[in-house]
Amino acid sequence: QVQLVESGGGLVQAGGSLRLSCAASGRTSSGGAVGWFRQAPGKEREFVAGIRWVGGSTSYADSVKGRFTISRDNAKNTVYLQMNSLKPEDTAVYYCAADIYRRSYPYPSNENLYDYWGQGTQVTVSS
């Protein structure tokens, strides 16, 4: 069992920055991966970024490349999403998800390969 708690969301103006955190507890020693996904009103949930606990390999959606950075602190069991140059279209509820069986390694953007999800944190970017 893994528990995930997101934090760091809020309201920011376009061009601004936010850093989201995903604190994991429970069975996190398997060396799987963590992904960030987001869901805007009326839209399907989409992949944002992913990172492997071991090695730190990362992947990003094209829409956030160069603006968002995912990182992890293994000692704190926490994954971060640094979001810069935010745009109104980044407005969404952001979720982190944990894959403890490494199923997402070939397909980090496939949400069906993640086992546990956080409750989400709202990010609103005003124009």
Foldseek 3Di string as FASTA:
>chain_A
DKAWAKDWADEEAAQAKIKMKIFMDDPPPLFAKKWKWWDDPPGDIWTAKMFTSPPTDMDGDPVQPPFWDWDDDNVRNMIMIIGGRDDQVVWTWMKMFAQRVNPCVVPVTDPVRTDDIYPTDTHGYHD
